[in-house]
Amino acid sequence: MRRRPAALSAVIRLAVLATPLLLPASLRAQEVMNMGSVVWRMRGALVADQKTANDMGWTGVTIGFTGQADTKTRWFGAVHAELFGGDTYDAWSYVNNVSHYTPTFTIVGPPDMAAKLLAMPNGTRVALEGVLDPRARNLMLDVVKQLPAGGGGS
């Protein structure tokens, strides 16, 4: 049996290890879409419109609220998103995959936290945490925390 040259073996090992990193973001986002509910964290700022949301954050998303008129949404300039365990890559891949929906996320409760988020004025920096159903884009809040002003929303 003939042995492969060491350089060829190293190239093959590198290719195998790098393959998951080279998967298109849409395929990795599809993995999140196929998960059950996940712990979700997102930070950014509530703003008046899409342009401001896109300029302020990494991307602009809309937040809708159950029990409100379909037209009642808030623009959010997202600057940070992560899944449970700190996975920011899959979180951003997911946001990229769903950001064209209006609303991007629907807050389904609890009512007191949804009301708190809905009542915050534009320009408020906020951290959101909760459980996300990726397929329905429904977010059950656990934390709505106003952040100190400054720093571009991060």
N, C-alpha and C. Protein backbone atom coordinates (compact mmCIF):
# COMPACT_ATOMS: atom_id res chain seq x y z
N MET A 1 0.84 -1.18 0.00
CA MET A 1 0.00 0.00 0.00
C MET A 1 0.88 1.24 0.00
N ARG A 2 0.55 2.15 -0.87
CA ARG A 2 1.36 3.35 -1.02
C ARG A 2 0.82 4.45 -0.11
N ARG A 3 1.70 5.12 0.63
CA ARG A 3 1.31 6.21 1.53
C ARG A 3 1.21 7.52 0.77
N ARG A 4 0.23 8.33 1.21
CA ARG A 4 0.09 9.67 0.65
C ARG A 4 1.20 10.55 1.18
N PRO A 5 1.64 11.50 0.38
CA PRO A 5 2.62 12.46 0.89
C PRO A 5 2.01 13.25 2.05
N ALA A 6 2.85 13.63 3.00
CA ALA A 6 2.39 14.35 4.19
C ALA A 6 1.68 15.65 3.82
N ALA A 7 2.15 16.34 2.80
CA ALA A 7 1.53 17.60 2.40
C ALA A 7 0.10 17.37 1.92
N LEU A 8 -0.12 16.29 1.16
CA LEU A 8 -1.46 15.99 0.67
C LEU A 8 -2.38 15.64 1.83
N SER A 9 -1.90 14.89 2.79
CA SER A 9 -2.70 14.56 3.97
C SER A 9 -3.08 15.81 4.75
N ALA A 10 -2.16 16.75 4.87
CA ALA A 10 -2.44 17.99 5.58
C ALA A 10 -3.50 18.80 4.85
N VAL A 11 -3.45 18.84 3.52
CA VAL A 11 -4.44 19.57 2.73
C VAL A 11 -5.82 18.94 2.90
N ILE A 12 -5.88 17.62 2.88
CA ILE A 12 -7.16 16.91 3.04
C ILE A 12 -7.74 17.19 4.43
N ARG A 13 -6.90 17.13 5.46
CA ARG A 13 -7.38 17.41 6.82
C ARG A 13 -7.90 18.85 6.92
N LEU A 14 -7.17 19.80 6.34
CA LEU A 14 -7.59 21.19 6.37
C LEU A 14 -8.92 21.38 5.64
N ALA A 15 -9.09 20.72 4.50
CA ALA A 15 -10.34 20.84 3.74
C ALA A 15 -11.51 20.29 4.55
N VAL A 16 -11.32 19.18 5.22
CA VAL A 16 -12.39 18.59 6.03
C VAL A 16 -12.74 19.51 7.19
N LEU A 17 -11.75 20.09 7.85
CA LEU A 17 -12.01 20.98 8.98
C LEU A 17 -12.63 22.30 8.55
N ALA A 18 -12.31 22.80 7.37
CA ALA A 18 -12.80 24.10 6.92
C ALA A 18 -14.18 24.04 6.28
N THR A 19 -14.63 22.87 5.88
CA THR A 19 -15.91 22.74 5.18
C THR A 19 -17.07 23.38 5.92
N PRO A 20 -17.25 23.15 7.24
CA PRO A 20 -18.40 23.79 7.91
C PRO A 20 -18.33 25.32 7.88
N LEU A 21 -17.13 25.87 7.85
CA LEU A 21 -16.98 27.32 7.83
C LEU A 21 -17.34 27.90 6.46
N LEU A 22 -17.27 27.08 5.45
CA LEU A 22 -17.51 27.55 4.10
C LEU A 22 -18.95 27.37 3.64
N LEU A 23 -19.78 26.76 4.48
CA LEU A 23 -21.18 26.60 4.12
C LEU A 23 -21.82 27.97 3.96
N PRO A 24 -22.63 28.14 2.94
CA PRO A 24 -23.31 29.43 2.79
C PRO A 24 -24.16 29.75 4.01
N ALA A 25 -24.26 31.04 4.31
CA ALA A 25 -25.03 31.47 5.49
C ALA A 25 -26.47 31.01 5.41
N SER A 26 -27.03 30.94 4.21
CA SER A 26 -28.43 30.53 4.08
C SER A 26 -28.62 29.08 4.51
N LEU A 27 -27.63 28.22 4.25
CA LEU A 27 -27.75 26.83 4.69
C LEU A 27 -27.65 26.75 6.21
N ARG A 28 -26.75 27.53 6.80
CA ARG A 28 -26.62 27.52 8.25
C ARG A 28 -27.86 28.13 8.89
N ALA A 29 -28.43 29.17 8.29
CA ALA A 29 -29.67 29.75 8.81
C ALA A 29 -30.79 28.75 8.74
N GLN A 30 -30.76 27.91 7.70
CA GLN A 30 -31.79 26.87 7.57
C GLN A 30 -31.71 25.92 8.76
N GLU A 31 -30.51 25.67 9.27
CA GLU A 31 -30.36 24.82 10.46
C GLU A 31 -31.13 25.44 11.63
N VAL A 32 -31.02 26.75 11.82
CA VAL A 32 -31.74 27.41 12.90
C VAL A 32 -33.24 27.31 12.66
N MET A 33 -33.66 27.49 11.40
CA MET A 33 -35.09 27.41 11.08
C MET A 33 -35.66 26.04 11.42
N ASN A 34 -34.83 25.01 11.35
CA ASN A 34 -35.30 23.65 11.62
C ASN A 34 -35.20 23.26 13.09
N MET A 35 -34.67 24.14 13.92
CA MET A 35 -34.59 23.86 15.36
C MET A 35 -35.95 24.08 15.99
N GLY A 36 -36.10 23.54 17.18
CA GLY A 36 -37.26 23.90 17.98
C GLY A 36 -36.99 25.27 18.60
N SER A 37 -37.71 25.59 19.63
CA SER A 37 -37.52 26.88 20.29
C SER A 37 -36.10 27.02 20.82
N VAL A 38 -35.56 28.24 20.72
CA VAL A 38 -34.18 28.51 21.14
C VAL A 38 -34.15 29.74 22.04
N VAL A 39 -33.17 29.77 22.93
CA VAL A 39 -32.96 30.97 23.74
C VAL A 39 -32.32 32.02 22.82
N TRP A 40 -32.85 33.23 22.86
CA TRP A 40 -32.46 34.29 21.92
C TRP A 40 -32.12 35.55 22.69
N ARG A 41 -31.05 36.22 22.28
CA ARG A 41 -30.68 37.51 22.85
C ARG A 41 -30.42 38.47 21.70
N MET A 42 -30.87 39.70 21.89
CA MET A 42 -30.66 40.71 20.86
C MET A 42 -30.54 42.08 21.53
N ARG A 43 -29.60 42.89 21.04
CA ARG A 43 -29.44 44.25 21.54
C ARG A 43 -29.48 45.21 20.37
N GLY A 44 -29.95 46.41 20.66
CA GLY A 44 -30.00 47.44 19.64
C GLY A 44 -30.77 48.64 20.15
N ALA A 45 -31.35 49.39 19.23
CA ALA A 45 -32.08 50.60 19.60
C ALA A 45 -33.41 50.65 18.86
N LEU A 46 -34.43 51.12 19.58
CA LEU A 46 -35.73 51.38 18.97
C LEU A 46 -35.64 52.70 18.22
N VAL A 47 -36.09 52.71 16.98
CA VAL A 47 -35.98 53.91 16.15
C VAL A 47 -37.27 54.12 15.36
N ALA A 48 -37.35 55.25 14.67
CA ALA A 48 -38.59 55.66 14.01
C ALA A 48 -38.85 54.98 12.68
N ASP A 49 -37.78 54.62 11.94
CA ASP A 49 -38.02 54.12 10.58
C ASP A 49 -36.93 53.16 10.14
N GLN A 50 -37.15 52.56 8.97
CA GLN A 50 -36.24 51.54 8.45
C GLN A 50 -34.85 52.10 8.18
N LYS A 51 -34.77 53.28 7.56
CA LYS A 51 -33.45 53.86 7.25
C LYS A 51 -32.63 54.06 8.52
N THR A 52 -33.26 54.62 9.55
CA THR A 52 -32.55 54.84 10.81
C THR A 52 -32.13 53.51 11.42
N ALA A 53 -33.01 52.52 11.36
CA ALA A 53 -32.68 51.20 11.91
C ALA A 53 -31.49 50.59 11.18
N ASN A 54 -31.48 50.69 9.86
CA ASN A 54 -30.36 50.14 9.09
C ASN A 54 -29.07 50.92 9.32
N ASP A 55 -29.18 52.23 9.48
CA ASP A 55 -27.99 53.06 9.73
C ASP A 55 -27.44 52.85 11.13
N MET A 56 -28.31 52.65 12.10
CA MET A 56 -27.89 52.54 13.49
C MET A 56 -27.29 51.18 13.82
N GLY A 57 -27.85 50.17 13.24
CA GLY A 57 -27.45 48.82 13.62
C GLY A 57 -26.86 48.04 12.47
N TRP A 58 -26.64 46.78 12.74
CA TRP A 58 -26.13 45.87 11.73
C TRP A 58 -27.20 45.66 10.67
N THR A 59 -28.44 45.58 11.14
CA THR A 59 -29.58 45.49 10.22
C THR A 59 -30.83 45.97 10.95
N GLY A 60 -31.76 46.47 10.17
CA GLY A 60 -33.03 46.89 10.74
C GLY A 60 -34.04 45.76 10.70
N VAL A 61 -34.73 45.55 11.79
CA VAL A 61 -35.80 44.55 11.85
C VAL A 61 -37.03 45.21 12.44
N THR A 62 -38.18 44.62 12.19
CA THR A 62 -39.41 45.13 12.77
C THR A 62 -39.89 44.18 13.86
N ILE A 63 -40.49 44.77 14.86
CA ILE A 63 -41.04 43.99 15.98
C ILE A 63 -42.53 44.28 16.03
N GLY A 64 -43.32 43.22 15.95
CA GLY A 64 -44.77 43.33 16.08
C GLY A 64 -45.20 42.80 17.44
N PHE A 65 -46.43 43.03 17.78
CA PHE A 65 -46.93 42.67 19.11
C PHE A 65 -48.30 42.00 18.97
N THR A 66 -48.48 40.85 19.61
CA THR A 66 -49.81 40.24 19.59
C THR A 66 -50.76 41.12 20.37
N GLY A 67 -52.02 41.10 19.94
CA GLY A 67 -53.02 41.92 20.61
C GLY A 67 -53.03 43.36 20.14
N GLN A 68 -52.17 43.70 19.20
CA GLN A 68 -52.11 45.06 18.64
C GLN A 68 -52.54 45.00 17.19
N ALA A 69 -52.88 46.13 16.62
CA ALA A 69 -53.19 46.19 15.18
C ALA A 69 -51.97 45.70 14.40
N ASP A 70 -52.23 45.06 13.27
CA ASP A 70 -51.13 44.54 12.44
C ASP A 70 -50.16 45.63 12.03
N THR A 71 -50.63 46.86 11.99
CA THR A 71 -49.76 47.97 11.58
C THR A 71 -48.90 48.49 12.72
N LYS A 72 -49.12 48.04 13.95
CA LYS A 72 -48.36 48.54 15.10
C LYS A 72 -47.06 47.74 15.21
N THR A 73 -46.00 48.30 14.65
CA THR A 73 -44.68 47.68 14.72
C THR A 73 -43.67 48.72 15.18
N ARG A 74 -42.56 48.24 15.67
CA ARG A 74 -41.44 49.11 16.07
C ARG A 74 -40.23 48.74 15.23
N TRP A 75 -39.51 49.73 14.76
CA TRP A 75 -38.24 49.49 14.08
C TRP A 75 -37.14 49.34 15.13
N PHE A 76 -36.24 48.41 14.89
CA PHE A 76 -35.18 48.08 15.83
C PHE A 76 -33.88 47.96 15.06
N GLY A 77 -32.91 48.81 15.39
CA GLY A 77 -31.58 48.72 14.79
C GLY A 77 -30.76 47.71 15.58
N ALA A 78 -30.73 46.49 15.09
CA ALA A 78 -30.06 45.39 15.81
C ALA A 78 -28.55 45.48 15.63
N VAL A 79 -27.82 45.42 16.74
CA VAL A 79 -26.36 45.45 16.70
C VAL A 79 -25.74 44.18 17.26
N HIS A 80 -26.55 43.35 17.91
CA HIS A 80 -26.03 42.11 18.48
C HIS A 80 -27.17 41.10 18.54
N ALA A 81 -26.88 39.87 18.13
CA ALA A 81 -27.84 38.78 18.27
C ALA A 81 -27.06 37.51 18.57
N GLU A 82 -27.63 36.69 19.42
CA GLU A 82 -26.97 35.41 19.71
C GLU A 82 -28.00 34.37 20.14
N LEU A 83 -27.64 33.13 19.86
CA LEU A 83 -28.41 31.98 20.33
C LEU A 83 -27.81 31.51 21.63
N PHE A 84 -28.51 30.62 22.32
CA PHE A 84 -28.02 30.05 23.57
C PHE A 84 -26.59 29.55 23.38
N GLY A 85 -25.74 29.84 24.33
CA GLY A 85 -24.35 29.41 24.26
C GLY A 85 -23.45 30.42 23.57
N GLY A 86 -24.00 31.56 23.15
CA GLY A 86 -23.17 32.61 22.57
C GLY A 86 -22.96 32.51 21.07
N ASP A 87 -23.74 31.71 20.37
CA ASP A 87 -23.57 31.52 18.93
C ASP A 87 -24.09 32.75 18.18
N THR A 88 -23.19 33.63 17.78
CA THR A 88 -23.60 34.83 17.06
C THR A 88 -23.67 34.59 15.56
N TYR A 89 -22.88 33.68 15.03
CA TYR A 89 -22.87 33.44 13.59
C TYR A 89 -24.23 32.93 13.11
N ASP A 90 -24.74 31.88 13.75
CA ASP A 90 -26.04 31.35 13.35
C ASP A 90 -27.16 32.34 13.64
N ALA A 91 -27.02 33.11 14.72
CA ALA A 91 -28.04 34.11 15.03
C ALA A 91 -28.12 35.15 13.92
N TRP A 92 -26.98 35.67 13.48
CA TRP A 92 -26.99 36.67 12.41
C TRP A 92 -27.40 36.07 11.08
N SER A 93 -27.04 34.84 10.83
CA SER A 93 -27.48 34.17 9.60
C SER A 93 -29.01 34.08 9.59
N TYR A 94 -29.57 33.77 10.75
CA TYR A 94 -31.02 33.68 10.88
C TYR A 94 -31.67 35.05 10.65
N VAL A 95 -31.13 36.09 11.30
CA VAL A 95 -31.67 37.45 11.13
C VAL A 95 -31.63 37.84 9.66
N ASN A 96 -30.52 37.57 9.00
CA ASN A 96 -30.39 37.87 7.58
C ASN A 96 -31.46 37.15 6.76
N ASN A 97 -31.79 35.95 7.15
CA ASN A 97 -32.75 35.12 6.43
C ASN A 97 -34.18 35.61 6.61
N VAL A 98 -34.50 36.25 7.73
CA VAL A 98 -35.90 36.62 8.02
C VAL A 98 -36.14 38.13 8.08
N SER A 99 -35.12 38.95 7.89
CA SER A 99 -35.28 40.39 8.09
C SER A 99 -36.24 41.04 7.10
N HIS A 100 -36.55 40.39 6.00
CA HIS A 100 -37.47 40.97 5.02
C HIS A 100 -38.94 40.83 5.42
N TYR A 101 -39.25 40.01 6.43
CA TYR A 101 -40.62 39.87 6.88
C TYR A 101 -41.04 41.08 7.73
N THR A 102 -42.31 41.46 7.61
CA THR A 102 -42.86 42.51 8.47
C THR A 102 -44.09 41.94 9.17
N PRO A 103 -44.04 41.80 10.47
CA PRO A 103 -42.88 42.06 11.33
C PRO A 103 -41.86 40.93 11.25
N THR A 104 -40.62 41.28 11.52
CA THR A 104 -39.56 40.28 11.54
C THR A 104 -39.77 39.33 12.72
N PHE A 105 -40.06 39.91 13.88
CA PHE A 105 -40.33 39.15 15.09
C PHE A 105 -41.66 39.62 15.66
N THR A 106 -42.43 38.70 16.23
CA THR A 106 -43.67 39.05 16.91
C THR A 106 -43.51 38.73 18.38
N ILE A 107 -43.70 39.73 19.22
CA ILE A 107 -43.65 39.54 20.67
C ILE A 107 -44.98 38.93 21.09
N VAL A 108 -44.92 37.74 21.69
CA VAL A 108 -46.15 37.04 22.07
C VAL A 108 -46.38 37.07 23.58
N GLY A 109 -45.55 37.76 24.31
CA GLY A 109 -45.78 37.89 25.75
C GLY A 109 -44.47 37.89 26.50
N PRO A 110 -44.58 37.95 27.80
CA PRO A 110 -45.78 38.24 28.57
C PRO A 110 -46.25 39.68 28.35
N PRO A 111 -47.53 39.93 28.60
CA PRO A 111 -48.11 41.24 28.27
C PRO A 111 -47.41 42.43 28.92
N ASP A 112 -46.94 42.29 30.16
CA ASP A 112 -46.29 43.44 30.82
C ASP A 112 -44.97 43.80 30.15
N MET A 113 -44.20 42.79 29.71
CA MET A 113 -42.93 43.09 29.04
C MET A 113 -43.17 43.62 27.64
N ALA A 114 -44.18 43.07 26.95
CA ALA A 114 -44.52 43.58 25.62
C ALA A 114 -44.95 45.04 25.71
N ALA A 115 -45.77 45.37 26.71
CA ALA A 115 -46.23 46.75 26.89
C ALA A 115 -45.05 47.68 27.21
N LYS A 116 -44.11 47.20 28.02
CA LYS A 116 -42.92 47.99 28.36
C LYS A 116 -42.12 48.31 27.10
N LEU A 117 -41.89 47.31 26.26
CA LEU A 117 -41.14 47.50 25.02
C LEU A 117 -41.89 48.42 24.06
N LEU A 118 -43.17 48.22 23.95
CA LEU A 118 -43.99 49.04 23.06
C LEU A 118 -44.00 50.51 23.48
N ALA A 119 -43.94 50.76 24.79
CA ALA A 119 -44.02 52.13 25.31
C ALA A 119 -42.69 52.87 25.29
N MET A 120 -41.59 52.19 25.08
CA MET A 120 -40.28 52.87 25.10
C MET A 120 -40.17 53.84 23.94
N PRO A 121 -39.61 55.03 24.18
CA PRO A 121 -39.50 56.02 23.10
C PRO A 121 -38.40 55.65 22.10
N ASN A 122 -38.55 56.20 20.90
CA ASN A 122 -37.51 56.02 19.89
C ASN A 122 -36.18 56.54 20.44
N GLY A 123 -35.10 55.86 20.07
CA GLY A 123 -33.78 56.22 20.54
C GLY A 123 -33.36 55.43 21.77
N THR A 124 -34.28 54.67 22.36
CA THR A 124 -33.96 53.87 23.54
C THR A 124 -33.14 52.66 23.13
N ARG A 125 -32.00 52.50 23.78
CA ARG A 125 -31.17 51.30 23.60
C ARG A 125 -31.72 50.23 24.52
N VAL A 126 -31.85 49.01 23.99
CA VAL A 126 -32.52 47.96 24.75
C VAL A 126 -31.88 46.59 24.49
N ALA A 127 -31.92 45.76 25.51
CA ALA A 127 -31.50 44.35 25.40
C ALA A 127 -32.75 43.50 25.56
N LEU A 128 -32.93 42.56 24.66
CA LEU A 128 -34.06 41.65 24.70
C LEU A 128 -33.55 40.23 24.86
N GLU A 129 -34.20 39.47 25.71
CA GLU A 129 -33.89 38.04 25.85
C GLU A 129 -35.20 37.30 25.97
N GLY A 130 -35.20 36.09 25.45
CA GLY A 130 -36.39 35.28 25.56
C GLY A 130 -36.25 33.99 24.78
N VAL A 131 -37.38 33.36 24.53
CA VAL A 131 -37.42 32.11 23.79
C VAL A 131 -38.03 32.40 22.42
N LEU A 132 -37.29 32.04 21.38
CA LEU A 132 -37.70 32.30 20.01
C LEU A 132 -38.13 31.00 19.34
N ASP A 133 -39.28 31.05 18.68
CA ASP A 133 -39.71 29.97 17.78
C ASP A 133 -39.25 30.39 16.39
N PRO A 134 -38.15 29.83 15.89
CA PRO A 134 -37.56 30.33 14.64
C PRO A 134 -38.49 30.24 13.42
N ARG A 135 -39.31 29.22 13.34
CA ARG A 135 -40.18 29.09 12.16
C ARG A 135 -41.28 30.14 12.16
N ALA A 136 -41.88 30.39 13.32
CA ALA A 136 -42.97 31.36 13.40
C ALA A 136 -42.46 32.78 13.65
N ARG A 137 -41.18 32.91 14.05
CA ARG A 137 -40.56 34.20 14.39
C ARG A 137 -41.25 34.84 15.59
N ASN A 138 -41.81 34.00 16.47
CA ASN A 138 -42.46 34.48 17.70
C ASN A 138 -41.45 34.49 18.83
N LEU A 139 -41.45 35.58 19.61
CA LEU A 139 -40.51 35.74 20.71
C LEU A 139 -41.28 35.93 22.02
N MET A 140 -41.09 34.99 22.94
CA MET A 140 -41.64 35.10 24.29
C MET A 140 -40.55 35.73 25.15
N LEU A 141 -40.77 36.96 25.56
CA LEU A 141 -39.75 37.71 26.28
C LEU A 141 -39.54 37.20 27.70
N ASP A 142 -38.30 37.26 28.13
CA ASP A 142 -37.93 36.99 29.51
C ASP A 142 -37.28 38.23 30.12
N VAL A 143 -36.62 39.03 29.26
CA VAL A 143 -35.94 40.25 29.72
C VAL A 143 -36.15 41.36 28.70
N VAL A 144 -36.55 42.52 29.19
CA VAL A 144 -36.55 43.77 28.41
C VAL A 144 -35.81 44.76 29.30
N LYS A 145 -34.59 45.07 28.89
CA LYS A 145 -33.74 45.92 29.74
C LYS A 145 -33.29 47.16 28.96
N GLN A 146 -33.63 48.33 29.49
CA GLN A 146 -33.16 49.56 28.89
C GLN A 146 -31.68 49.70 29.20
N LEU A 147 -30.90 50.00 28.17
CA LEU A 147 -29.45 50.16 28.32
C LEU A 147 -29.09 51.64 28.40
N PRO A 148 -27.94 51.95 28.99
CA PRO A 148 -27.51 53.35 29.06
C PRO A 148 -27.34 53.95 27.66
N ALA A 149 -27.55 55.23 27.54
CA ALA A 149 -27.41 55.92 26.26
C ALA A 149 -25.96 55.93 25.82
N GLY A 150 -25.76 56.04 24.50
CA GLY A 150 -24.41 56.15 23.94
C GLY A 150 -23.90 54.83 23.41
N GLY A 151 -22.84 54.91 22.63
CA GLY A 151 -22.18 53.70 22.13
C GLY A 151 -22.81 53.11 20.90
N GLY A 152 -23.73 53.80 20.22
CA GLY A 152 -24.27 53.31 18.97
C GLY A 152 -25.20 52.14 19.09
N GLY A 153 -25.69 51.82 20.28
CA GLY A 153 -26.68 50.78 20.43
C GLY A 153 -26.12 49.43 20.80
N SER A 154 -24.81 49.28 20.92
CA SER A 154 -24.26 47.94 21.18
C SER A 154 -24.21 47.58 22.63
